[in-house]
Amino acid sequence: LVLLRFLPGFIVWVVLLAVIVACTVGTIWLW
């Protein structure tokens, strides 16, 4: 809760970046 209170932008964008990286790496591995 403290992290969501003071670092919400960092957490949200790290999560979205992790999703994009995971999708990209998975796609490259399949090809």
All heavy atoms as atom14 arrays in JSON, in Angstrom:
{
  "sequence": "LVLLRFLPGFIVWVVLLAVIVACTVGTIWLW",
  "atom14_mask": [
    [1, 1, 1, 1, 1, 1, 1, 1, 0, 0, 0, 0, 0, 0],
    [1, 1, 1, 1, 1, 1, 1, 0, 0, 0, 0, 0, 0, 0],
    [1, 1, 1, 1, 1, 1, 1, 1, 0, 0, 0, 0, 0, 0],
    [1, 1, 1, 1, 1, 1, 1, 1, 0, 0, 0, 0, 0, 0],
    [1, 1, 1, 1, 1, 1, 1, 1, 1, 1, 1, 0, 0, 0],
    [1, 1, 1, 1, 1, 1, 1, 1, 1, 1, 1, 0, 0, 0],
    [1, 1, 1, 1, 1, 1, 1, 1, 0, 0, 0, 0, 0, 0],
    [1, 1, 1, 1, 1, 1, 1, 0, 0, 0, 0, 0, 0, 0],
    [1, 1, 1, 1, 0, 0, 0, 0, 0, 0, 0, 0, 0, 0],
    [1, 1, 1, 1, 1, 1, 1, 1, 1, 1, 1, 0, 0, 0],
    [1, 1, 1, 1, 1, 1, 1, 1, 0, 0, 0, 0, 0, 0],
    [1, 1, 1, 1, 1, 1, 1, 0, 0, 0, 0, 0, 0, 0],
    [1, 1, 1, 1, 1, 1, 1, 1, 1, 1, 1, 1, 1, 1],
    [1, 1, 1, 1, 1, 1, 1, 0, 0, 0, 0, 0, 0, 0],
    [1, 1, 1, 1, 1, 1, 1, 0, 0, 0, 0, 0, 0, 0],
    [1, 1, 1, 1, 1, 1, 1, 1, 0, 0, 0, 0, 0, 0],
    [1, 1, 1, 1, 1, 1, 1, 1, 0, 0, 0, 0, 0, 0],
    [1, 1, 1, 1, 1, 0, 0, 0, 0, 0, 0, 0, 0, 0],
    [1, 1, 1, 1, 1, 1, 1, 0, 0, 0, 0, 0, 0, 0],
    [1, 1, 1, 1, 1, 1, 1, 1, 0, 0, 0, 0, 0, 0],
    [1, 1, 1, 1, 1, 1, 1, 0, 0, 0, 0, 0, 0, 0],
    [1, 1, 1, 1, 1, 0, 0, 0, 0, 0, 0, 0, 0, 0],
    [1, 1, 1, 1, 1, 1, 0, 0, 0, 0, 0, 0, 0, 0],
    [1, 1, 1, 1, 1, 1, 1, 0, 0, 0, 0, 0, 0, 0],
    [1, 1, 1, 1, 1, 1, 1, 0, 0, 0, 0, 0, 0, 0],
    [1, 1, 1, 1, 0, 0, 0, 0, 0, 0, 0, 0, 0, 0],
    [1, 1, 1, 1, 1, 1, 1, 0, 0, 0, 0, 0, 0, 0],
    [1, 1, 1, 1, 1, 1, 1, 1, 0, 0, 0, 0, 0, 0],
    [1, 1, 1, 1, 1, 1, 1, 1, 1, 1, 1, 1, 1, 1],
    [1, 1, 1, 1, 1, 1, 1, 1, 0, 0, 0, 0, 0, 0],
    [1, 1, 1, 1, 1, 1, 1, 1, 1, 1, 1, 1, 1, 1]
  ],
  "atom14_positions": [
    [[0.82, -1.21, 0.0], [0.0, 0.0, 0.0], [0.86, 1.26, 0.0], [0.53, 2.25, -0.67], [-0.93, 0.0, 1.21], [-2.06, -1.04, 1.22], [-2.92, -0.87, 2.46], [-2.91, -0.92, -0.03], [0.0, 0.0, 0.0], [0.0, 0.0, 0.0], [0.0, 0.0, 0.0], [0.0, 0.0, 0.0], [0.0, 0.0, 0.0], [0.0, 0.0, 0.0]],
    [[1.96, 1.25, 0.75], [2.86, 2.4, 0.78], [3.47, 2.64, -0.6], [3.57, 3.78, -1.09], [3.95, 2.2, 1.84], [5.0, 3.31, 1.75], [3.33, 2.18, 3.24], [0.0, 0.0, 0.0], [0.0, 0.0, 0.0], [0.0, 0.0, 0.0], [0.0, 0.0, 0.0], [0.0, 0.0, 0.0], [0.0, 0.0, 0.0], [0.0, 0.0, 0.0]],
    [[3.88, 1.56, -1.27], [4.46, 1.69, -2.61], [3.43, 2.23, -3.6], [3.74, 3.08, -4.45], [4.99, 0.33, -3.08], [6.21, -0.22, -2.34], [6.57, -1.61, -2.85], [7.41, 0.72, -2.49], [0.0, 0.0, 0.0], [0.0, 0.0, 0.0], [0.0, 0.0, 0.0], [0.0, 0.0, 0.0], [0.0, 0.0, 0.0], [0.0, 0.0, 0.0]],
    [[2.17, 1.73, -3.49], [1.12, 2.25, -4.35], [0.8, 3.7, -4.02], [0.3, 4.44, -4.88], [-0.13, 1.38, -4.22], [-0.05, -0.04, -4.79], [-1.31, -0.81, -4.48], [0.19, -0.01, -6.29], [0.0, 0.0, 0.0], [0.0, 0.0, 0.0], [0.0, 0.0, 0.0], [0.0, 0.0, 0.0], [0.0, 0.0, 0.0], [0.0, 0.0, 0.0]],
    [[1.07, 4.08, -2.8], [0.79, 5.47, -2.4], [1.84, 6.44, -2.95], [1.5, 7.5, -3.47], [0.74, 5.54, -0.86], [0.82, 6.93, -0.26], [-0.46, 7.73, -0.52], [-0.44, 8.98, 0.2], [0.09, 10.11, -0.25], [0.67, 10.12, -1.45], [0.04, 11.22, 0.46], [0.0, 0.0, 0.0], [0.0, 0.0, 0.0], [0.0, 0.0, 0.0]],
    [[3.11, 6.08, -2.87], [4.18, 7.0, -3.22], [4.82, 6.71, -4.58], [5.41, 7.61, -5.17], [5.27, 6.99, -2.14], [4.81, 7.52, -0.82], [4.49, 6.67, 0.22], [4.68, 8.88, -0.63], [4.07, 7.15, 1.44], [4.25, 9.39, 0.59], [3.94, 8.52, 1.63], [0.0, 0.0, 0.0], [0.0, 0.0, 0.0], [0.0, 0.0, 0.0]],
    [[4.74, 5.49, -5.07], [5.37, 5.15, -6.35], [4.37, 4.49, -7.31], [4.68, 3.46, -7.93], [6.56, 4.21, -6.13], [7.7, 4.75, -5.26], [8.72, 3.66, -5.0], [8.36, 5.95, -5.94], [0.0, 0.0, 0.0], [0.0, 0.0, 0.0], [0.0, 0.0, 0.0], [0.0, 0.0, 0.0], [0.0, 0.0, 0.0], [0.0, 0.0, 0.0]],
    [[3.18, 5.03, -7.47], [2.21, 4.35, -8.36], [2.65, 4.39, -9.82], [2.46, 3.41, -10.56], [0.92, 5.14, -8.13], [1.37, 6.48, -7.67], [2.61, 6.25, -6.88], [0.0, 0.0, 0.0], [0.0, 0.0, 0.0], [0.0, 0.0, 0.0], [0.0, 0.0, 0.0], [0.0, 0.0, 0.0], [0.0, 0.0, 0.0], [0.0, 0.0, 0.0]],
    [[3.23, 5.53, -10.25], [3.66, 5.61, -11.64], [4.76, 4.61, -11.96], [4.71, 3.93, -13.0], [0.0, 0.0, 0.0], [0.0, 0.0, 0.0], [0.0, 0.0, 0.0], [0.0, 0.0, 0.0], [0.0, 0.0, 0.0], [0.0, 0.0, 0.0], [0.0, 0.0, 0.0], [0.0, 0.0, 0.0], [0.0, 0.0, 0.0], [0.0, 0.0, 0.0]],
    [[5.73, 4.5, -11.09], [6.81, 3.54, -11.31], [6.28, 2.12, -11.38], [6.64, 1.34, -12.28], [7.84, 3.68, -10.19], [8.94, 2.66, -10.24], [10.0, 2.8, -11.12], [8.91, 1.54, -9.4], [11.01, 1.85, -11.18], [9.91, 0.6, -9.44], [10.97, 0.75, -10.33], [0.0, 0.0, 0.0], [0.0, 0.0, 0.0], [0.0, 0.0, 0.0]],
    [[5.38, 1.76, -10.46], [4.85, 0.4, -10.41], [4.03, 0.09, -11.66], [4.19, -0.96, -12.29], [4.02, 0.21, -9.13], [4.92, 0.3, -7.89], [3.29, -1.14, -9.16], [4.16, 0.23, -6.6], [0.0, 0.0, 0.0], [0.0, 0.0, 0.0], [0.0, 0.0, 0.0], [0.0, 0.0, 0.0], [0.0, 0.0, 0.0], [0.0, 0.0, 0.0]],
    [[3.13, 1.02, -12.02], [2.26, 0.77, -13.18], [3.06, 0.63, -14.46], [2.86, -0.31, -15.24], [1.21, 1.89, -13.29], [0.46, 1.79, -14.61], [0.23, 1.82, -12.13], [0.0, 0.0, 0.0], [0.0, 0.0, 0.0], [0.0, 0.0, 0.0], [0.0, 0.0, 0.0], [0.0, 0.0, 0.0], [0.0, 0.0, 0.0], [0.0, 0.0, 0.0]],
    [[4.0, 1.53, -14.69], [4.77, 1.48, -15.93], [5.74, 0.31, -15.96], [6.0, -0.27, -17.03], [5.51, 2.79, -16.17], [4.59, 3.9, -16.57], [4.24, 4.99, -15.84], [3.88, 4.0, -17.81], [3.36, 5.78, -16.54], [3.13, 5.19, -17.75], [3.81, 3.21, -18.95], [2.3, 5.61, -18.8], [2.99, 3.61, -19.99], [2.25, 4.8, -19.92]],
    [[6.27, -0.08, -14.81], [7.1, -1.29, -14.77], [6.28, -2.52, -15.11], [6.73, -3.41, -15.86], [7.77, -1.43, -13.38], [8.33, -2.83, -13.19], [8.9, -0.41, -13.24], [0.0, 0.0, 0.0], [0.0, 0.0, 0.0], [0.0, 0.0, 0.0], [0.0, 0.0, 0.0], [0.0, 0.0, 0.0], [0.0, 0.0, 0.0], [0.0, 0.0, 0.0]],
    [[5.05, -2.59, -14.59], [4.18, -3.73, -14.9], [3.85, -3.77, -16.38], [3.93, -4.82, -17.03], [2.9, -3.64, -14.05], [1.86, -4.64, -14.55], [3.21, -3.93, -12.59], [0.0, 0.0, 0.0], [0.0, 0.0, 0.0], [0.0, 0.0, 0.0], [0.0, 0.0, 0.0], [0.0, 0.0, 0.0], [0.0, 0.0, 0.0], [0.0, 0.0, 0.0]],
    [[3.49, -2.61, -16.95], [3.17, -2.58, -18.39], [4.4, -2.92, -19.23], [4.29, -3.65, -20.24], [2.64, -1.2, -18.76], [1.27, -0.84, -18.19], [0.9, 0.59, -18.56], [0.21, -1.81, -18.68], [0.0, 0.0, 0.0], [0.0, 0.0, 0.0], [0.0, 0.0, 0.0], [0.0, 0.0, 0.0], [0.0, 0.0, 0.0], [0.0, 0.0, 0.0]],
    [[5.55, -2.4, -18.83], [6.78, -2.72, -19.57], [7.09, -4.21, -19.48], [7.51, -4.83, -20.47], [7.94, -1.9, -19.02], [9.3, -2.09, -19.71], [9.2, -1.68, -21.18], [10.38, -1.3, -19.0], [0.0, 0.0, 0.0], [0.0, 0.0, 0.0], [0.0, 0.0, 0.0], [0.0, 0.0, 0.0], [0.0, 0.0, 0.0], [0.0, 0.0, 0.0]],
    [[6.86, -4.8, -18.31], [7.11, -6.23, -18.16], [6.16, -7.04, -19.05], [6.56, -8.04, -19.65], [6.93, -6.63, -16.69], [0.0, 0.0, 0.0], [0.0, 0.0, 0.0], [0.0, 0.0, 0.0], [0.0, 0.0, 0.0], [0.0, 0.0, 0.0], [0.0, 0.0, 0.0], [0.0, 0.0, 0.0], [0.0, 0.0, 0.0], [0.0, 0.0, 0.0]],
    [[4.91, -6.6, -19.15], [3.96, -7.3, -20.04], [4.4, -7.2, -21.49], [4.39, -8.2, -22.24], [2.54, -6.71, -19.86], [1.59, -7.26, -20.91], [2.01, -7.01, -18.47], [0.0, 0.0, 0.0], [0.0, 0.0, 0.0], [0.0, 0.0, 0.0], [0.0, 0.0, 0.0], [0.0, 0.0, 0.0], [0.0, 0.0, 0.0], [0.0, 0.0, 0.0]],
    [[4.82, -6.01, -21.92], [5.27, -5.85, -23.31], [6.52, -6.68, -23.58], [6.63, -7.35, -24.62], [5.54, -4.36, -23.59], [4.23, -3.57, -23.52], [6.21, -4.18, -24.95], [4.42, -2.07, -23.66], [0.0, 0.0, 0.0], [0.0, 0.0, 0.0], [0.0, 0.0, 0.0], [0.0, 0.0, 0.0], [0.0, 0.0, 0.0], [0.0, 0.0, 0.0]],
    [[7.47, -6.67, -22.63], [8.7, -7.46, -22.81], [8.38, -8.94, -22.85], [8.92, -9.7, -23.69], [9.7, -7.15, -21.68], [10.86, -8.12, -21.7], [10.21, -5.72, -21.8], [0.0, 0.0, 0.0], [0.0, 0.0, 0.0], [0.0, 0.0, 0.0], [0.0, 0.0, 0.0], [0.0, 0.0, 0.0], [0.0, 0.0, 0.0], [0.0, 0.0, 0.0]],
    [[7.47, -9.39, -21.98], [7.11, -10.81, -21.97], [6.45, -11.22, -23.29], [6.76, -12.28, -23.85], [6.18, -11.1, -20.79], [0.0, 0.0, 0.0], [0.0, 0.0, 0.0], [0.0, 0.0, 0.0], [0.0, 0.0, 0.0], [0.0, 0.0, 0.0], [0.0, 0.0, 0.0], [0.0, 0.0, 0.0], [0.0, 0.0, 0.0], [0.0, 0.0, 0.0]],
    [[5.53, -10.38, -23.79], [4.89, -10.68, -25.07], [5.91, -10.69, -26.21], [5.87, -11.57, -27.09], [3.79, -9.65, -25.36], [2.36, -9.75, -24.26], [0.0, 0.0, 0.0], [0.0, 0.0, 0.0], [0.0, 0.0, 0.0], [0.0, 0.0, 0.0], [0.0, 0.0, 0.0], [0.0, 0.0, 0.0], [0.0, 0.0, 0.0], [0.0, 0.0, 0.0]],
    [[6.83, -9.73, -26.18], [7.83, -9.65, -27.26], [8.77, -10.85, -27.22], [9.04, -11.47, -28.27], [8.62, -8.35, -27.12], [7.73, -7.24, -27.12], [9.6, -8.21, -28.28], [0.0, 0.0, 0.0], [0.0, 0.0, 0.0], [0.0, 0.0, 0.0], [0.0, 0.0, 0.0], [0.0, 0.0, 0.0], [0.0, 0.0, 0.0], [0.0, 0.0, 0.0]],
    [[9.27, -11.18, -26.04], [10.19, -12.32, -25.92], [9.48, -13.61, -26.3], [10.05, -14.47, -27.01], [10.74, -12.4, -24.48], [11.53, -13.69, -24.28], [11.64, -11.2, -24.19], [0.0, 0.0, 0.0], [0.0, 0.0, 0.0], [0.0, 0.0, 0.0], [0.0, 0.0, 0.0], [0.0, 0.0, 0.0], [0.0, 0.0, 0.0], [0.0, 0.0, 0.0]],
    [[8.23, -13.78, -25.86], [7.49, -14.99, -26.22], [7.26, -15.09, -27.71], [7.38, -16.18, -28.3], [0.0, 0.0, 0.0], [0.0, 0.0, 0.0], [0.0, 0.0, 0.0], [0.0, 0.0, 0.0], [0.0, 0.0, 0.0], [0.0, 0.0, 0.0], [0.0, 0.0, 0.0], [0.0, 0.0, 0.0], [0.0, 0.0, 0.0], [0.0, 0.0, 0.0]],
    [[6.96, -13.96, -28.35], [6.75, -13.97, -29.8], [8.04, -14.32, -30.55], [8.04, -15.15, -31.49], [6.24, -12.6, -30.25], [5.02, -12.3, -29.56], [5.99, -12.59, -31.75], [0.0, 0.0, 0.0], [0.0, 0.0, 0.0], [0.0, 0.0, 0.0], [0.0, 0.0, 0.0], [0.0, 0.0, 0.0], [0.0, 0.0, 0.0], [0.0, 0.0, 0.0]],
    [[9.16, -13.71, -30.14], [10.43, -14.01, -30.79], [10.8, -15.49, -30.61], [11.27, -16.14, -31.56], [11.54, -13.1, -30.22], [11.26, -11.64, -30.59], [12.91, -13.53, -30.72], [12.21, -10.65, -29.95], [0.0, 0.0, 0.0], [0.0, 0.0, 0.0], [0.0, 0.0, 0.0], [0.0, 0.0, 0.0], [0.0, 0.0, 0.0], [0.0, 0.0, 0.0]],
    [[10.58, -16.01, -29.4], [10.9, -17.42, -29.16], [10.06, -18.34, -30.03], [10.57, -19.34, -30.57], [10.66, -17.75, -27.69], [10.99, -19.18, -27.35], [12.22, -19.7, -27.08], [10.07, -20.27, -27.29], [12.14, -21.05, -26.84], [10.82, -21.42, -26.96], [8.71, -20.38, -27.47], [10.22, -22.67, -26.81], [8.11, -21.61, -27.34], [8.86, -22.75, -27.0]],
    [[8.78, -18.02, -30.23], [7.93, -18.86, -31.08], [8.39, -18.82, -32.54], [8.4, -19.85, -33.23], [6.48, -18.4, -30.97], [5.77, -18.74, -29.65], [4.4, -18.08, -29.59], [5.62, -20.26, -29.49], [0.0, 0.0, 0.0], [0.0, 0.0, 0.0], [0.0, 0.0, 0.0], [0.0, 0.0, 0.0], [0.0, 0.0, 0.0], [0.0, 0.0, 0.0]],
    [[8.77, -17.63, -33.02], [9.27, -17.56, -34.4], [10.59, -18.32, -34.55], [10.79, -19.02, -35.55], [9.47, -16.09, -34.81], [8.19, -15.39, -35.18], [7.58, -14.38, -34.51], [7.38, -15.65, -36.32], [6.44, -14.0, -35.14], [6.29, -14.76, -36.29], [7.47, -16.55, -37.39], [5.31, -14.74, -37.25], [6.47, -16.53, -38.36], [5.41, -15.64, -38.29]]
  ]
}
